[in-house]
């Protein structure tokens, strides 16, 4: 038997703002890493590992955008 649960949250205005900021940052990072993966595959025909993605995010994107 498969069970499913649905939850609904009722955030305050401050929480809604924080959620919007968080999801915006996550979407930005995802798109940047996806673009890097596509570029690497088109040029070298190699994939980017999870460790390489973390290193790219922490070393290059932080320097450029912070």
N, C-alpha and C. Protein backbone atom coordinates (compact mmCIF):
# COMPACT_ATOMS: atom_id res chain seq x y z
N UNK A 1 0.84 -1.18 0.00
CA UNK A 1 0.00 0.00 0.00
C UNK A 1 0.89 1.24 0.00
N UNK A 2 0.65 2.15 -0.91
CA UNK A 2 1.41 3.39 -1.01
C UNK A 2 0.59 4.51 -0.40
N UNK A 3 1.23 5.21 0.52
CA UNK A 3 0.56 6.34 1.16
C UNK A 3 1.23 7.63 0.74
N UNK A 4 0.46 8.65 0.68
CA UNK A 4 0.99 9.97 0.36
C UNK A 4 0.44 11.00 1.32
N UNK A 5 1.25 11.97 1.60
CA UNK A 5 0.84 13.03 2.51
C UNK A 5 1.01 14.36 1.81
N UNK A 6 0.07 15.24 2.00
CA UNK A 6 0.17 16.60 1.47
C UNK A 6 0.18 17.55 2.65
N UNK A 7 1.07 18.51 2.57
CA UNK A 7 1.18 19.51 3.63
C UNK A 7 0.99 20.88 3.02
N UNK A 8 0.42 21.75 3.78
CA UNK A 8 0.26 23.13 3.34
C UNK A 8 0.80 24.02 4.45
N UNK A 9 1.58 25.00 4.05
CA UNK A 9 2.12 25.92 5.04
C UNK A 9 1.49 27.29 4.85
N UNK A 10 1.44 28.02 5.91
CA UNK A 10 0.91 29.38 5.89
C UNK A 10 1.98 30.32 6.45
N UNK A 11 2.94 30.68 5.60
CA UNK A 11 4.04 31.51 6.10
C UNK A 11 3.62 32.96 6.34
N UNK A 12 4.35 33.58 7.24
CA UNK A 12 4.14 35.01 7.47
C UNK A 12 4.78 35.78 6.32
N UNK A 13 4.62 37.08 6.30
CA UNK A 13 5.17 37.90 5.23
C UNK A 13 6.70 37.80 5.21
N UNK A 14 7.31 37.82 6.40
CA UNK A 14 8.77 37.71 6.47
C UNK A 14 9.24 36.35 5.95
N UNK A 15 8.51 35.31 6.30
CA UNK A 15 8.87 33.97 5.84
C UNK A 15 8.69 33.84 4.33
N UNK A 16 7.65 34.44 3.79
CA UNK A 16 7.45 34.42 2.34
C UNK A 16 8.60 35.11 1.62
N UNK A 17 9.05 36.23 2.16
CA UNK A 17 10.18 36.95 1.59
C UNK A 17 11.43 36.10 1.61
N UNK A 18 11.69 35.46 2.75
CA UNK A 18 12.88 34.63 2.87
C UNK A 18 12.81 33.42 1.95
N UNK A 19 11.64 32.81 1.81
CA UNK A 19 11.49 31.68 0.90
C UNK A 19 11.73 32.12 -0.55
N UNK A 20 11.21 33.27 -0.92
CA UNK A 20 11.41 33.77 -2.29
C UNK A 20 12.88 34.02 -2.57
N UNK A 21 13.61 34.60 -1.61
CA UNK A 21 15.04 34.84 -1.77
C UNK A 21 15.80 33.52 -1.90
N UNK A 22 15.46 32.58 -1.05
CA UNK A 22 16.15 31.28 -1.06
C UNK A 22 15.94 30.56 -2.38
N UNK A 23 14.68 30.48 -2.84
CA UNK A 23 14.40 29.78 -4.09
C UNK A 23 15.01 30.51 -5.28
N UNK A 24 15.08 31.83 -5.21
CA UNK A 24 15.74 32.59 -6.27
C UNK A 24 17.22 32.27 -6.35
N UNK A 25 17.88 32.17 -5.20
CA UNK A 25 19.31 31.82 -5.18
C UNK A 25 19.54 30.41 -5.69
N UNK A 26 18.68 29.49 -5.27
CA UNK A 26 18.82 28.10 -5.71
C UNK A 26 18.63 28.00 -7.22
N UNK A 27 17.65 28.70 -7.75
CA UNK A 27 17.41 28.68 -9.19
C UNK A 27 18.60 29.27 -9.95
N UNK A 28 19.19 30.34 -9.43
CA UNK A 28 20.34 30.96 -10.07
C UNK A 28 21.53 30.00 -10.11
N UNK A 29 21.84 29.36 -8.99
CA UNK A 29 22.96 28.42 -8.92
C UNK A 29 22.72 27.24 -9.85
N UNK A 30 21.50 26.71 -9.86
CA UNK A 30 21.18 25.58 -10.74
C UNK A 30 21.41 25.94 -12.19
N UNK A 31 20.94 27.12 -12.61
CA UNK A 31 21.10 27.55 -14.00
C UNK A 31 22.56 27.77 -14.37
N UNK A 32 23.36 28.33 -13.44
CA UNK A 32 24.77 28.54 -13.70
C UNK A 32 25.51 27.21 -13.88
N UNK A 33 25.23 26.25 -13.01
CA UNK A 33 25.90 24.95 -13.10
C UNK A 33 25.43 24.21 -14.35
N UNK A 34 24.16 24.31 -14.69
CA UNK A 34 23.65 23.67 -15.90
C UNK A 34 24.33 24.25 -17.14
N UNK A 35 24.50 25.55 -17.19
CA UNK A 35 25.18 26.18 -18.32
C UNK A 35 26.63 25.71 -18.41
N UNK A 36 27.28 25.59 -17.27
CA UNK A 36 28.67 25.11 -17.25
C UNK A 36 28.75 23.67 -17.75
N UNK A 37 27.80 22.81 -17.32
CA UNK A 37 27.79 21.42 -17.77
C UNK A 37 27.57 21.33 -19.28
N UNK A 38 26.64 22.11 -19.80
CA UNK A 38 26.36 22.09 -21.23
C UNK A 38 27.58 22.57 -22.02
N UNK A 39 28.20 23.65 -21.55
CA UNK A 39 29.38 24.18 -22.23
C UNK A 39 30.52 23.15 -22.23
N UNK A 40 30.76 22.50 -21.11
CA UNK A 40 31.82 21.50 -21.00
C UNK A 40 31.54 20.31 -21.91
N UNK A 41 30.30 19.88 -21.97
CA UNK A 41 29.96 18.74 -22.82
C UNK A 41 30.11 19.08 -24.30
N UNK A 42 29.73 20.28 -24.68
CA UNK A 42 29.83 20.66 -26.09
C UNK A 42 31.27 20.82 -26.54
N UNK A 43 32.14 21.25 -25.64
CA UNK A 43 33.53 21.49 -26.04
C UNK A 43 34.41 20.26 -25.88
N UNK A 44 34.28 19.53 -24.77
CA UNK A 44 35.21 18.44 -24.47
C UNK A 44 34.53 17.08 -24.47
N UNK A 45 33.21 17.05 -24.52
CA UNK A 45 32.42 15.80 -24.45
C UNK A 45 32.64 15.07 -23.13
N UNK A 46 32.77 15.84 -22.05
CA UNK A 46 32.91 15.26 -20.72
C UNK A 46 31.78 15.77 -19.83
N UNK A 47 31.53 15.02 -18.77
CA UNK A 47 30.50 15.41 -17.82
C UNK A 47 31.16 16.03 -16.59
N UNK A 48 30.38 16.75 -15.82
CA UNK A 48 30.86 17.40 -14.61
C UNK A 48 30.34 16.61 -13.41
N UNK A 49 31.24 16.16 -12.54
CA UNK A 49 30.84 15.38 -11.37
C UNK A 49 30.26 16.28 -10.29
N UNK A 50 29.69 15.67 -9.27
CA UNK A 50 29.13 16.45 -8.17
C UNK A 50 30.21 17.24 -7.46
N UNK A 51 31.37 16.64 -7.28
CA UNK A 51 32.48 17.33 -6.62
C UNK A 51 32.93 18.52 -7.45
N UNK A 52 33.02 18.33 -8.76
CA UNK A 52 33.40 19.44 -9.64
C UNK A 52 32.36 20.56 -9.61
N UNK A 53 31.09 20.19 -9.52
CA UNK A 53 30.02 21.20 -9.43
C UNK A 53 30.15 22.00 -8.13
N UNK A 54 30.41 21.30 -7.03
CA UNK A 54 30.59 21.99 -5.75
C UNK A 54 31.80 22.91 -5.80
N UNK A 55 32.90 22.42 -6.36
CA UNK A 55 34.11 23.25 -6.45
C UNK A 55 33.87 24.47 -7.34
N UNK A 56 33.17 24.28 -8.45
CA UNK A 56 32.86 25.40 -9.34
C UNK A 56 32.00 26.44 -8.61
N UNK A 57 31.03 25.96 -7.88
CA UNK A 57 30.14 26.86 -7.15
C UNK A 57 30.91 27.62 -6.06
N UNK A 58 31.67 26.89 -5.27
CA UNK A 58 32.35 27.50 -4.13
C UNK A 58 33.55 28.35 -4.52
N UNK A 59 34.25 27.99 -5.56
CA UNK A 59 35.48 28.71 -5.91
C UNK A 59 35.25 29.81 -6.93
N UNK A 60 34.50 29.52 -7.97
CA UNK A 60 34.39 30.49 -9.06
C UNK A 60 33.16 31.39 -8.93
N UNK A 61 32.00 30.80 -8.66
CA UNK A 61 30.79 31.62 -8.58
C UNK A 61 30.81 32.56 -7.38
N UNK A 62 31.36 32.11 -6.26
CA UNK A 62 31.42 32.97 -5.08
C UNK A 62 32.33 34.16 -5.34
N UNK A 63 33.46 33.94 -6.03
CA UNK A 63 34.36 35.05 -6.33
C UNK A 63 33.71 36.06 -7.26
N UNK A 64 32.94 35.54 -8.23
CA UNK A 64 32.36 36.40 -9.24
C UNK A 64 31.14 37.17 -8.75
N UNK A 65 30.31 36.55 -7.91
CA UNK A 65 29.03 37.16 -7.56
C UNK A 65 28.92 37.65 -6.13
N UNK A 66 29.92 37.41 -5.31
CA UNK A 66 29.81 37.91 -3.92
C UNK A 66 30.76 39.07 -3.73
